[in-house]
Amino acid sequence: TEADERGRARLLRGAVEIAFARGDLDSAER
């Protein structure tokens, strides 16, 4: 929510990994 465009890609990769850990494949795909 706070990130600028430059730093967002790195955060998105982390979000995908955490979504996998939650079993939330829809969020990972988004």
PDB file of all heavy atoms in Angstrom:
ATOM      1  N   THR A   1       0.825  -1.207   0.000  1.00  0.00           N
ATOM      2  CA  THR A   1       0.000   0.000   0.000  1.00  0.00           C
ATOM      3  C   THR A   1       0.860   1.258   0.000  1.00  0.00           C
ATOM      4  O   THR A   1       0.530   2.261  -0.651  1.00  0.00           O
ATOM      5  CB  THR A   1      -0.926   0.006   1.233  1.00  0.00           C
ATOM      6  OG1 THR A   1      -1.769  -1.148   1.183  1.00  0.00           O
ATOM      7  CG2 THR A   1      -1.785   1.262   1.267  1.00  0.00           C
ATOM      8  N   GLU A   2       2.001   1.207   0.694  1.00  0.00           N
ATOM      9  CA  GLU A   2       2.854   2.384   0.840  1.00  0.00           C
ATOM     10  C   GLU A   2       3.906   2.500  -0.260  1.00  0.00           C
ATOM     11  O   GLU A   2       4.488   3.570  -0.439  1.00  0.00           O
ATOM     12  CB  GLU A   2       3.571   2.324   2.196  1.00  0.00           C
ATOM     13  CG  GLU A   2       2.632   2.347   3.392  1.00  0.00           C
ATOM     14  CD  GLU A   2       3.373   2.138   4.702  1.00  0.00           C
ATOM     15  OE1 GLU A   2       4.621   2.154   4.674  1.00  0.00           O
ATOM     16  OE2 GLU A   2       2.705   1.971   5.736  1.00  0.00           O
ATOM     17  N   ALA A   3       4.161   1.428  -1.004  1.00  0.00           N
ATOM     18  CA  ALA A   3       5.307   1.394  -1.919  1.00  0.00           C
ATOM     19  C   ALA A   3       5.092   2.259  -3.144  1.00  0.00           C
ATOM     20  O   ALA A   3       3.967   2.406  -3.636  1.00  0.00           O
ATOM     21  CB  ALA A   3       5.586  -0.043  -2.351  1.00  0.00           C
ATOM     22  N   ASP A   4       6.199   2.814  -3.651  1.00  0.00           N
ATOM     23  CA  ASP A   4       6.146   3.477  -4.948  1.00  0.00           C
ATOM     24  C   ASP A   4       6.334   2.429  -6.038  1.00  0.00           C
ATOM     25  O   ASP A   4       6.612   1.254  -5.768  1.00  0.00           O
ATOM     26  CB  ASP A   4       7.209   4.587  -5.058  1.00  0.00           C
ATOM     27  CG  ASP A   4       8.629   4.073  -4.857  1.00  0.00           C
ATOM     28  OD1 ASP A   4       8.861   2.848  -4.973  1.00  0.00           O
ATOM     29  OD2 ASP A   4       9.520   4.896  -4.597  1.00  0.00           O
ATOM     30  N   GLU A   5       6.201   2.866  -7.283  1.00  0.00           N
ATOM     31  CA  GLU A   5       6.262   1.921  -8.395  1.00  0.00           C
ATOM     32  C   GLU A   5       7.609   1.220  -8.479  1.00  0.00           C
ATOM     33  O   GLU A   5       7.695   0.048  -8.819  1.00  0.00           O
ATOM     34  CB  GLU A   5       5.974   2.664  -9.704  1.00  0.00           C
ATOM     35  CG  GLU A   5       5.884   1.757 -10.927  1.00  0.00           C
ATOM     36  CD  GLU A   5       5.505   2.515 -12.178  1.00  0.00           C
ATOM     37  OE1 GLU A   5       5.127   3.706 -12.061  1.00  0.00           O
ATOM     38  OE2 GLU A   5       5.592   1.930 -13.262  1.00  0.00           O
ATOM     39  N   ARG A   6       8.671   1.946  -8.142  1.00  0.00           N
ATOM     40  CA  ARG A   6      10.020   1.388  -8.271  1.00  0.00           C
ATOM     41  C   ARG A   6      10.233   0.175  -7.366  1.00  0.00           C
ATOM     42  O   ARG A   6      10.874  -0.788  -7.751  1.00  0.00           O
ATOM     43  CB  ARG A   6      11.039   2.481  -7.946  1.00  0.00           C
ATOM     44  CG  ARG A   6      12.476   2.057  -8.144  1.00  0.00           C
ATOM     45  CD  ARG A   6      13.401   3.233  -7.900  1.00  0.00           C
ATOM     46  NE  ARG A   6      14.784   2.879  -8.107  1.00  0.00           N
ATOM     47  CZ  ARG A   6      15.791   3.719  -7.957  1.00  0.00           C
ATOM     48  NH1 ARG A   6      15.542   4.963  -7.604  1.00  0.00           N
ATOM     49  NH2 ARG A   6      17.021   3.330  -8.159  1.00  0.00           N
ATOM     50  N   GLY A   7       9.705   0.250  -6.124  1.00  0.00           N
ATOM     51  CA  GLY A   7       9.947  -0.837  -5.187  1.00  0.00           C
ATOM     52  C   GLY A   7       8.870  -1.902  -5.167  1.00  0.00           C
ATOM     53  O   GLY A   7       8.974  -2.876  -4.423  1.00  0.00           O
ATOM     54  N   ARG A   8       7.842  -1.738  -5.971  1.00  0.00           N
ATOM     55  CA  ARG A   8       6.683  -2.621  -5.887  1.00  0.00           C
ATOM     56  C   ARG A   8       6.964  -4.037  -6.364  1.00  0.00           C
ATOM     57  O   ARG A   8       6.465  -5.007  -5.777  1.00  0.00           O
ATOM     58  CB  ARG A   8       5.522  -2.019  -6.681  1.00  0.00           C
ATOM     59  CG  ARG A   8       4.192  -2.648  -6.358  1.00  0.00           C
ATOM     60  CD  ARG A   8       3.046  -1.855  -6.910  1.00  0.00           C
ATOM     61  NE  ARG A   8       1.783  -2.523  -6.669  1.00  0.00           N
ATOM     62  CZ  ARG A   8       1.095  -2.463  -5.537  1.00  0.00           C
ATOM     63  NH1 ARG A   8       1.547  -1.740  -4.532  1.00  0.00           N
ATOM     64  NH2 ARG A   8      -0.049  -3.120  -5.395  1.00  0.00           N
ATOM     65  N   ALA A   9       7.799  -4.189  -7.412  1.00  0.00           N
ATOM     66  CA  ALA A   9       8.027  -5.528  -7.963  1.00  0.00           C
ATOM     67  C   ALA A   9       8.645  -6.467  -6.924  1.00  0.00           C
ATOM     68  O   ALA A   9       8.219  -7.618  -6.789  1.00  0.00           O
ATOM     69  CB  ALA A   9       8.922  -5.441  -9.199  1.00  0.00           C
ATOM     70  N   ARG A  10       9.636  -5.965  -6.190  1.00  0.00           N
ATOM     71  CA  ARG A  10      10.268  -6.793  -5.164  1.00  0.00           C
ATOM     72  C   ARG A  10       9.261  -7.212  -4.113  1.00  0.00           C
ATOM     73  O   ARG A  10       9.255  -8.369  -3.651  1.00  0.00           O
ATOM     74  CB  ARG A  10      11.422  -6.009  -4.545  1.00  0.00           C
ATOM     75  CG  ARG A  10      12.174  -6.744  -3.456  1.00  0.00           C
ATOM     76  CD  ARG A  10      13.508  -6.062  -3.183  1.00  0.00           C
ATOM     77  NE  ARG A  10      13.355  -4.645  -2.891  1.00  0.00           N
ATOM     78  CZ  ARG A  10      13.218  -4.146  -1.672  1.00  0.00           C
ATOM     79  NH1 ARG A  10      13.187  -4.955  -0.630  1.00  0.00           N
ATOM     80  NH2 ARG A  10      13.115  -2.849  -1.472  1.00  0.00           N
ATOM     81  N   LEU A  11       8.387  -6.296  -3.717  1.00  0.00           N
ATOM     82  CA  LEU A  11       7.366  -6.613  -2.726  1.00  0.00           C
ATOM     83  C   LEU A  11       6.365  -7.626  -3.258  1.00  0.00           C
ATOM     84  O   LEU A  11       5.910  -8.513  -2.527  1.00  0.00           O
ATOM     85  CB  LEU A  11       6.649  -5.333  -2.303  1.00  0.00           C
ATOM     86  CG  LEU A  11       7.481  -4.325  -1.515  1.00  0.00           C
ATOM     87  CD1 LEU A  11       6.709  -3.021  -1.364  1.00  0.00           C
ATOM     88  CD2 LEU A  11       7.868  -4.874  -0.152  1.00  0.00           C
ATOM     89  N   LEU A  12       6.020  -7.510  -4.529  1.00  0.00           N
ATOM     90  CA  LEU A  12       5.061  -8.442  -5.117  1.00  0.00           C
ATOM     91  C   LEU A  12       5.592  -9.865  -5.086  1.00  0.00           C
ATOM     92  O   LEU A  12       4.843 -10.816  -4.855  1.00  0.00           O
ATOM     93  CB  LEU A  12       4.734  -8.025  -6.546  1.00  0.00           C
ATOM     94  CG  LEU A  12       3.808  -6.807  -6.696  1.00  0.00           C
ATOM     95  CD1 LEU A  12       3.803  -6.323  -8.134  1.00  0.00           C
ATOM     96  CD2 LEU A  12       2.394  -7.141  -6.238  1.00  0.00           C
ATOM     97  N   ARG A  13       6.888 -10.022  -5.337  1.00  0.00           N
ATOM     98  CA  ARG A  13       7.471 -11.378  -5.284  1.00  0.00           C
ATOM     99  C   ARG A  13       7.329 -11.967  -3.880  1.00  0.00           C
ATOM    100  O   ARG A  13       6.989 -13.143  -3.719  1.00  0.00           O
ATOM    101  CB  ARG A  13       8.929 -11.330  -5.715  1.00  0.00           C
ATOM    102  CG  ARG A  13       9.106 -10.932  -7.174  1.00  0.00           C
ATOM    103  CD  ARG A  13      10.561 -10.965  -7.609  1.00  0.00           C
ATOM    104  NE  ARG A  13      10.657 -10.499  -8.989  1.00  0.00           N
ATOM    105  CZ  ARG A  13      11.047  -9.286  -9.347  1.00  0.00           C
ATOM    106  NH1 ARG A  13      11.396  -8.410  -8.429  1.00  0.00           N
ATOM    107  NH2 ARG A  13      11.101  -8.947 -10.621  1.00  0.00           N
ATOM    108  N   GLY A  14       7.590 -11.144  -2.871  1.00  0.00           N
ATOM    109  CA  GLY A  14       7.405 -11.616  -1.506  1.00  0.00           C
ATOM    110  C   GLY A  14       5.956 -11.941  -1.213  1.00  0.00           C
ATOM    111  O   GLY A  14       5.651 -12.936  -0.545  1.00  0.00           O
ATOM    112  N   ALA A  15       5.043 -11.126  -1.734  1.00  0.00           N
ATOM    113  CA  ALA A  15       3.618 -11.370  -1.510  1.00  0.00           C
ATOM    114  C   ALA A  15       3.180 -12.690  -2.122  1.00  0.00           C
ATOM    115  O   ALA A  15       2.361 -13.424  -1.538  1.00  0.00           O
ATOM    116  CB  ALA A  15       2.801 -10.216  -2.094  1.00  0.00           C
ATOM    117  N   VAL A  16       3.706 -13.022  -3.295  1.00  0.00           N
ATOM    118  CA  VAL A  16       3.364 -14.300  -3.933  1.00  0.00           C
ATOM    119  C   VAL A  16       3.825 -15.462  -3.056  1.00  0.00           C
ATOM    120  O   VAL A  16       3.076 -16.426  -2.828  1.00  0.00           O
ATOM    121  CB  VAL A  16       3.996 -14.387  -5.339  1.00  0.00           C
ATOM    122  CG1 VAL A  16       3.809 -15.787  -5.918  1.00  0.00           C
ATOM    123  CG2 VAL A  16       3.372 -13.350  -6.270  1.00  0.00           C
ATOM    124  N   GLU A  17       5.048 -15.381  -2.543  1.00  0.00           N
ATOM    125  CA  GLU A  17       5.564 -16.469  -1.709  1.00  0.00           C
ATOM    126  C   GLU A  17       4.732 -16.639  -0.445  1.00  0.00           C
ATOM    127  O   GLU A  17       4.446 -17.773  -0.018  1.00  0.00           O
ATOM    128  CB  GLU A  17       7.030 -16.194  -1.356  1.00  0.00           C
ATOM    129  CG  GLU A  17       7.973 -16.271  -2.551  1.00  0.00           C
ATOM    130  CD  GLU A  17       9.422 -16.182  -2.138  1.00  0.00           C
ATOM    131  OE1 GLU A  17       9.778 -16.795  -1.103  1.00  0.00           O
ATOM    132  OE2 GLU A  17      10.201 -15.512  -2.831  1.00  0.00           O
ATOM    133  N   ILE A  18       4.340 -15.535   0.167  1.00  0.00           N
ATOM    134  CA  ILE A  18       3.537 -15.624   1.387  1.00  0.00           C
ATOM    135  C   ILE A  18       2.135 -16.130   1.063  1.00  0.00           C
ATOM    136  O   ILE A  18       1.541 -16.907   1.832  1.00  0.00           O
ATOM    137  CB  ILE A  18       3.501 -14.260   2.100  1.00  0.00           C
ATOM    138  CG1 ILE A  18       4.917 -13.885   2.563  1.00  0.00           C
ATOM    139  CG2 ILE A  18       2.564 -14.304   3.303  1.00  0.00           C
ATOM    140  CD1 ILE A  18       5.055 -12.454   3.040  1.00  0.00           C
ATOM    141  N   ALA A  19       1.596 -15.735  -0.075  1.00  0.00           N
ATOM    142  CA  ALA A  19       0.286 -16.262  -0.495  1.00  0.00           C
ATOM    143  C   ALA A  19       0.355 -17.774  -0.673  1.00  0.00           C
ATOM    144  O   ALA A  19      -0.590 -18.494  -0.296  1.00  0.00           O
ATOM    145  CB  ALA A  19      -0.153 -15.586  -1.795  1.00  0.00           C
ATOM    146  N   PHE A  20       1.442 -18.272  -1.234  1.00  0.00           N
ATOM    147  CA  PHE A  20       1.610 -19.729  -1.341  1.00  0.00           C
ATOM    148  C   PHE A  20       1.565 -20.374   0.047  1.00  0.00           C
ATOM    149  O   PHE A  20       0.930 -21.407   0.248  1.00  0.00           O
ATOM    150  CB  PHE A  20       2.944 -20.065  -2.016  1.00  0.00           C
ATOM    151  CG  PHE A  20       2.964 -19.841  -3.506  1.00  0.00           C
ATOM    152  CD1 PHE A  20       4.167 -19.557  -4.153  1.00  0.00           C
ATOM    153  CD2 PHE A  20       1.813 -19.934  -4.266  1.00  0.00           C
ATOM    154  CE1 PHE A  20       4.206 -19.368  -5.531  1.00  0.00           C
ATOM    155  CE2 PHE A  20       1.836 -19.746  -5.642  1.00  0.00           C
ATOM    156  CZ  PHE A  20       3.037 -19.456  -6.270  1.00  0.00           C
ATOM    157  N   ALA A  21       2.284 -19.754   1.006  1.00  0.00           N
ATOM    158  CA  ALA A  21       2.327 -20.314   2.364  1.00  0.00           C
ATOM    159  C   ALA A  21       0.940 -20.322   2.997  1.00  0.00           C
ATOM    160  O   ALA A  21       0.626 -21.207   3.798  1.00  0.00           O
ATOM    161  CB  ALA A  21       3.295 -19.509   3.229  1.00  0.00           C
ATOM    162  N   ARG A  22       0.095 -19.361   2.633  1.00  0.00           N
ATOM    163  CA  ARG A  22      -1.278 -19.307   3.153  1.00  0.00           C
ATOM    164  C   ARG A  22      -2.209 -20.252   2.406  1.00  0.00           C
ATOM    165  O   ARG A  22      -3.358 -20.445   2.805  1.00  0.00           O
ATOM    166  CB  ARG A  22      -1.830 -17.886   3.029  1.00  0.00           C
ATOM    167  CG  ARG A  22      -1.092 -16.837   3.801  1.00  0.00           C
ATOM    168  CD  ARG A  22      -1.674 -15.452   3.536  1.00  0.00           C
ATOM    169  NE  ARG A  22      -2.922 -15.247   4.255  1.00  0.00           N
ATOM    170  CZ  ARG A  22      -4.043 -14.785   3.714  1.00  0.00           C
ATOM    171  NH1 ARG A  22      -4.084 -14.514   2.421  1.00  0.00           N
ATOM    172  NH2 ARG A  22      -5.125 -14.616   4.456  1.00  0.00           N
ATOM    173  N   GLY A  23      -1.741 -20.808   1.291  1.00  0.00           N
ATOM    174  CA  GLY A  23      -2.606 -21.617   0.453  1.00  0.00           C
ATOM    175  C   GLY A  23      -3.592 -20.789  -0.338  1.00  0.00           C
ATOM    176  O   GLY A  23      -4.619 -21.300  -0.817  1.00  0.00           O
ATOM    177  N   ASP A  24      -3.285 -19.515  -0.485  1.00  0.00           N
ATOM    178  CA  ASP A  24      -4.179 -18.581  -1.172  1.00  0.00           C
ATOM    179  C   ASP A  24      -3.696 -18.410  -2.614  1.00  0.00           C
ATOM    180  O   ASP A  24      -3.012 -17.449  -2.962  1.00  0.00           O
ATOM    181  CB  ASP A  24      -4.166 -17.243  -0.426  1.00  0.00           C
ATOM    182  CG  ASP A  24      -5.160 -16.238  -0.991  1.00  0.00           C
ATOM    183  OD1 ASP A  24      -5.763 -16.527  -2.037  1.00  0.00           O
ATOM    184  OD2 ASP A  24      -5.322 -15.166  -0.374  1.00  0.00           O
ATOM    185  N   LEU A  25      -4.071 -19.360  -3.465  1.00  0.00           N
ATOM    186  CA  LEU A  25      -3.566 -19.354  -4.840  1.00  0.00           C
ATOM    187  C   LEU A  25      -4.170 -18.222  -5.669  1.00  0.00           C
ATOM    188  O   LEU A  25      -3.525 -17.720  -6.592  1.00  0.00           O
ATOM    189  CB  LEU A  25      -3.852 -20.704  -5.495  1.00  0.00           C
ATOM    190  CG  LEU A  25      -3.200 -21.916  -4.835  1.00  0.00           C
ATOM    191  CD1 LEU A  25      -3.417 -23.168  -5.688  1.00  0.00           C
ATOM    192  CD2 LEU A  25      -1.717 -21.697  -4.597  1.00  0.00           C
ATOM    193  N   ASP A  26      -5.396 -17.814  -5.334  1.00  0.00           N
ATOM    194  CA  ASP A  26      -5.999 -16.714  -6.089  1.00  0.00           C
ATOM    195  C   ASP A  26      -5.222 -15.414  -5.873  1.00  0.00           C
ATOM    196  O   ASP A  26      -4.973 -14.666  -6.833  1.00  0.00           O
ATOM    197  CB  ASP A  26      -7.462 -16.531  -5.679  1.00  0.00           C
ATOM    198  CG  ASP A  26      -8.346 -17.675  -6.148  1.00  0.00           C
ATOM    199  OD1 ASP A  26      -7.927 -18.395  -7.081  1.00  0.00           O
ATOM    200  OD2 ASP A  26      -9.438 -17.850  -5.576  1.00  0.00           O
ATOM    201  N   SER A  27      -4.841 -15.127  -4.625  1.00  0.00           N
ATOM    202  CA  SER A  27      -4.039 -13.922  -4.358  1.00  0.00           C
ATOM    203  C   SER A  27      -2.669 -14.032  -5.001  1.00  0.00           C
ATOM    204  O   SER A  27      -2.144 -13.046  -5.529  1.00  0.00           O
ATOM    205  CB  SER A  27      -3.891 -13.701  -2.850  1.00  0.00           C
ATOM    206  OG  SER A  27      -5.130 -13.338  -2.268  1.00  0.00           O
ATOM    207  N   ALA A  28      -2.080 -15.224  -4.958  1.00  0.00           N
ATOM    208  CA  ALA A  28      -0.787 -15.413  -5.600  1.00  0.00           C
ATOM    209  C   ALA A  28      -0.883 -15.119  -7.095  1.00  0.00           C
ATOM    210  O   ALA A  28      -0.028 -14.431  -7.670  1.00  0.00           O
ATOM    211  CB  ALA A  28      -0.281 -16.835  -5.371  1.00  0.00           C
ATOM    212  N   GLU A  29      -1.932 -15.626  -7.720  1.00  0.00           N
ATOM    213  CA  GLU A  29      -2.109 -15.392  -9.155  1.00  0.00           C
ATOM    214  C   GLU A  29      -2.356 -13.914  -9.450  1.00  0.00           C
ATOM    215  O   GLU A  29      -1.827 -13.362 -10.434  1.00  0.00           O
ATOM    216  CB  GLU A  29      -3.268 -16.229  -9.679  1.00  0.00           C
ATOM    217  CG  GLU A  29      -3.424 -16.157 -11.185  1.00  0.00           C
ATOM    218  CD  GLU A  29      -4.393 -17.207 -11.715  1.00  0.00           C
ATOM    219  OE1 GLU A  29      -5.061 -17.886 -10.902  1.00  0.00           O
ATOM    220  OE2 GLU A  29      -4.473 -17.333 -12.953  1.00  0.00           O
ATOM    221  N   ARG A  30      -3.101 -13.242  -8.611  1.00  0.00           N
ATOM    222  CA  ARG A  30      -3.373 -11.811  -8.813  1.00  0.00           C
ATOM    223  C   ARG A  30      -2.080 -10.998  -8.728  1.00  0.00           C
ATOM    224  O   ARG A  30      -1.822 -10.137  -9.571  1.00  0.00           O
ATOM    225  CB  ARG A  30      -4.375 -11.337  -7.746  1.00  0.00           C
ATOM    226  CG  ARG A  30      -4.621  -9.841  -7.754  1.00  0.00           C
ATOM    227  CD  ARG A  30      -5.833  -9.500  -6.896  1.00  0.00           C
ATOM    228  NE  ARG A  30      -5.766 -10.103  -5.575  1.00  0.00           N
ATOM    229  CZ  ARG A  30      -5.124  -9.572  -4.540  1.00  0.00           C
ATOM    230  NH1 ARG A  30      -4.478  -8.421  -4.697  1.00  0.00           N
ATOM    231  NH2 ARG A  30      -5.134 -10.171  -3.365  1.00  0.00           N
TER     232      ARG A  30
END
